[in-house]
Amino acid sequence: MKASEIREKNMVELNKELVDLKSELFKLRFQLATNQLENPMKLKDVKKSIAKVKTIIREKELSGAEK
């Protein structure tokens, strides 16, 4: 997911996206531990997506505080 797509979402959607990504990361880690993970690069992608969402949430919090 691109940062521009994430920035278009509101805070409720961003928080839901964050919860979904964390859930997906948990499932991927479980698959990795049980040797069922087919694509280990998926872990890296999900972690990056979580970081993007958290960054944009923080940007929106700071911009809201300045107003």
N, C-alpha and C. Protein backbone atom coordinates (compact mmCIF):
# COMPACT_ATOMS: atom_id res chain seq x y z
N MET A 1 0.85 -1.17 0.00
CA MET A 1 0.00 0.00 0.00
C MET A 1 0.89 1.24 0.00
N LYS A 2 0.53 2.19 -0.80
CA LYS A 2 1.32 3.41 -0.91
C LYS A 2 0.93 4.41 0.17
N ALA A 3 1.87 5.26 0.51
CA ALA A 3 1.63 6.26 1.55
C ALA A 3 0.53 7.22 1.14
N SER A 4 0.44 7.54 -0.15
CA SER A 4 -0.60 8.47 -0.61
C SER A 4 -1.99 7.86 -0.40
N GLU A 5 -2.11 6.55 -0.57
CA GLU A 5 -3.39 5.88 -0.33
C GLU A 5 -3.74 5.89 1.15
N ILE A 6 -2.73 5.72 1.97
CA ILE A 6 -2.96 5.69 3.42
C ILE A 6 -3.35 7.08 3.92
N ARG A 7 -2.73 8.12 3.38
CA ARG A 7 -3.02 9.49 3.82
C ARG A 7 -4.46 9.91 3.53
N GLU A 8 -5.10 9.28 2.55
CA GLU A 8 -6.48 9.63 2.19
C GLU A 8 -7.49 9.13 3.22
N LYS A 9 -7.08 8.19 4.06
CA LYS A 9 -7.99 7.60 5.04
C LYS A 9 -8.10 8.48 6.27
N ASN A 10 -9.23 8.35 6.98
CA ASN A 10 -9.40 9.09 8.23
C ASN A 10 -8.85 8.27 9.39
N MET A 11 -8.87 8.81 10.58
CA MET A 11 -8.24 8.18 11.74
C MET A 11 -8.89 6.83 12.09
N VAL A 12 -10.20 6.74 11.95
CA VAL A 12 -10.88 5.48 12.26
C VAL A 12 -10.43 4.39 11.31
N GLU A 13 -10.36 4.71 10.02
CA GLU A 13 -9.91 3.74 9.03
C GLU A 13 -8.45 3.37 9.25
N LEU A 14 -7.62 4.34 9.64
CA LEU A 14 -6.21 4.07 9.90
C LEU A 14 -6.04 3.14 11.09
N ASN A 15 -6.80 3.36 12.14
CA ASN A 15 -6.70 2.49 13.31
C ASN A 15 -7.17 1.08 12.99
N LYS A 16 -8.22 0.97 12.17
CA LYS A 16 -8.69 -0.36 11.76
C LYS A 16 -7.64 -1.05 10.90
N GLU A 17 -7.01 -0.31 10.01
CA GLU A 17 -5.96 -0.85 9.16
C GLU A 17 -4.78 -1.34 10.01
N LEU A 18 -4.44 -0.58 11.04
CA LEU A 18 -3.34 -0.95 11.93
C LEU A 18 -3.66 -2.26 12.66
N VAL A 19 -4.87 -2.39 13.15
CA VAL A 19 -5.28 -3.62 13.83
C VAL A 19 -5.23 -4.80 12.87
N ASP A 20 -5.70 -4.61 11.66
CA ASP A 20 -5.69 -5.68 10.66
C ASP A 20 -4.26 -6.10 10.33
N LEU A 21 -3.37 -5.13 10.17
CA LEU A 21 -1.98 -5.45 9.85
C LEU A 21 -1.29 -6.18 11.00
N LYS A 22 -1.56 -5.76 12.22
CA LYS A 22 -0.96 -6.44 13.37
C LYS A 22 -1.47 -7.88 13.48
N SER A 23 -2.74 -8.07 13.17
CA SER A 23 -3.30 -9.42 13.17
C SER A 23 -2.64 -10.28 12.10
N GLU A 24 -2.46 -9.70 10.93
CA GLU A 24 -1.82 -10.43 9.84
C GLU A 24 -0.36 -10.77 10.19
N LEU A 25 0.34 -9.84 10.84
CA LEU A 25 1.71 -10.09 11.26
C LEU A 25 1.77 -11.24 12.26
N PHE A 26 0.83 -11.28 13.18
CA PHE A 26 0.78 -12.37 14.14
C PHE A 26 0.61 -13.72 13.43
N LYS A 27 -0.30 -13.76 12.48
CA LYS A 27 -0.54 -15.00 11.73
C LYS A 27 0.70 -15.42 10.95
N LEU A 28 1.38 -14.45 10.35
CA LEU A 28 2.59 -14.76 9.59
C LEU A 28 3.70 -15.28 10.50
N ARG A 29 3.84 -14.68 11.66
CA ARG A 29 4.86 -15.15 12.61
C ARG A 29 4.55 -16.57 13.07
N PHE A 30 3.28 -16.86 13.27
CA PHE A 30 2.88 -18.21 13.67
C PHE A 30 3.21 -19.20 12.55
N GLN A 31 2.93 -18.83 11.31
CA GLN A 31 3.26 -19.70 10.18
C GLN A 31 4.77 -19.90 10.07
N LEU A 32 5.54 -18.85 10.34
CA LEU A 32 6.99 -18.96 10.29
C LEU A 32 7.50 -19.95 11.35
N ALA A 33 6.93 -19.88 12.53
CA ALA A 33 7.35 -20.75 13.62
C ALA A 33 7.01 -22.21 13.34
N THR A 34 5.94 -22.45 12.61
CA THR A 34 5.53 -23.82 12.31
C THR A 34 5.99 -24.28 10.92
N ASN A 35 6.89 -23.49 10.32
CA ASN A 35 7.46 -23.82 8.99
C ASN A 35 6.40 -23.96 7.90
N GLN A 36 5.36 -23.16 7.97
CA GLN A 36 4.31 -23.18 6.94
C GLN A 36 4.31 -21.92 6.09
N LEU A 37 5.23 -20.99 6.36
CA LEU A 37 5.26 -19.73 5.64
C LEU A 37 5.92 -19.94 4.28
N GLU A 38 5.18 -19.62 3.21
CA GLU A 38 5.69 -19.82 1.86
C GLU A 38 6.58 -18.67 1.40
N ASN A 39 6.21 -17.44 1.77
CA ASN A 39 6.96 -16.28 1.32
C ASN A 39 7.43 -15.46 2.54
N PRO A 40 8.68 -15.65 2.97
CA PRO A 40 9.16 -14.92 4.14
C PRO A 40 9.24 -13.41 3.94
N MET A 41 9.28 -12.95 2.71
CA MET A 41 9.33 -11.51 2.44
C MET A 41 8.01 -10.83 2.82
N LYS A 42 6.96 -11.60 2.96
CA LYS A 42 5.67 -11.04 3.35
C LYS A 42 5.76 -10.42 4.74
N LEU A 43 6.58 -11.01 5.62
CA LEU A 43 6.79 -10.45 6.96
C LEU A 43 7.35 -9.04 6.86
N LYS A 44 8.33 -8.86 6.02
CA LYS A 44 8.97 -7.55 5.85
C LYS A 44 7.96 -6.52 5.31
N ASP A 45 7.17 -6.94 4.34
CA ASP A 45 6.18 -6.03 3.76
C ASP A 45 5.14 -5.58 4.79
N VAL A 46 4.68 -6.52 5.60
CA VAL A 46 3.67 -6.19 6.61
C VAL A 46 4.25 -5.25 7.66
N LYS A 47 5.50 -5.51 8.08
CA LYS A 47 6.14 -4.63 9.06
C LYS A 47 6.29 -3.22 8.51
N LYS A 48 6.65 -3.10 7.24
CA LYS A 48 6.78 -1.78 6.62
C LYS A 48 5.43 -1.08 6.54
N SER A 49 4.39 -1.83 6.23
CA SER A 49 3.05 -1.25 6.16
C SER A 49 2.61 -0.74 7.53
N ILE A 50 2.91 -1.51 8.57
CA ILE A 50 2.58 -1.07 9.93
C ILE A 50 3.31 0.23 10.25
N ALA A 51 4.57 0.31 9.88
CA ALA A 51 5.35 1.52 10.14
C ALA A 51 4.77 2.72 9.38
N LYS A 52 4.35 2.51 8.14
CA LYS A 52 3.76 3.60 7.36
C LYS A 52 2.48 4.10 8.02
N VAL A 53 1.63 3.16 8.43
CA VAL A 53 0.36 3.55 9.04
C VAL A 53 0.61 4.31 10.35
N LYS A 54 1.53 3.80 11.18
CA LYS A 54 1.83 4.48 12.44
C LYS A 54 2.40 5.88 12.20
N THR A 55 3.24 6.02 11.20
CA THR A 55 3.82 7.33 10.88
C THR A 55 2.74 8.31 10.46
N ILE A 56 1.83 7.88 9.63
CA ILE A 56 0.78 8.77 9.15
C ILE A 56 -0.20 9.11 10.27
N ILE A 57 -0.47 8.15 11.15
CA ILE A 57 -1.32 8.44 12.31
C ILE A 57 -0.67 9.53 13.16
N ARG A 58 0.63 9.40 13.38
CA ARG A 58 1.35 10.40 14.19
C ARG A 58 1.36 11.76 13.50
N GLU A 59 1.55 11.79 12.19
CA GLU A 59 1.51 13.05 11.44
C GLU A 59 0.16 13.74 11.61
N LYS A 60 -0.92 12.94 11.53
CA LYS A 60 -2.25 13.52 11.67
C LYS A 60 -2.48 14.03 13.09
N GLU A 61 -1.94 13.32 14.09
CA GLU A 61 -2.07 13.78 15.46
C GLU A 61 -1.36 15.10 15.66
N LEU A 62 -0.16 15.21 15.12
CA LEU A 62 0.61 16.46 15.27
C LEU A 62 -0.04 17.61 14.50
N SER A 63 -0.56 17.34 13.32
CA SER A 63 -1.18 18.42 12.56
C SER A 63 -2.48 18.87 13.24
N GLY A 64 -3.16 17.94 13.91
CA GLY A 64 -4.37 18.29 14.65
C GLY A 64 -4.05 19.10 15.88
N ALA A 65 -2.91 18.86 16.49
CA ALA A 65 -2.51 19.59 17.70
C ALA A 65 -2.08 21.01 17.36
N GLU A 66 -1.55 21.21 16.16
CA GLU A 66 -1.10 22.54 15.76
C GLU A 66 -2.26 23.47 15.45
N LYS A 67 -3.38 22.91 15.05
CA LYS A 67 -4.52 23.75 14.66
C LYS A 67 -5.24 24.33 15.82
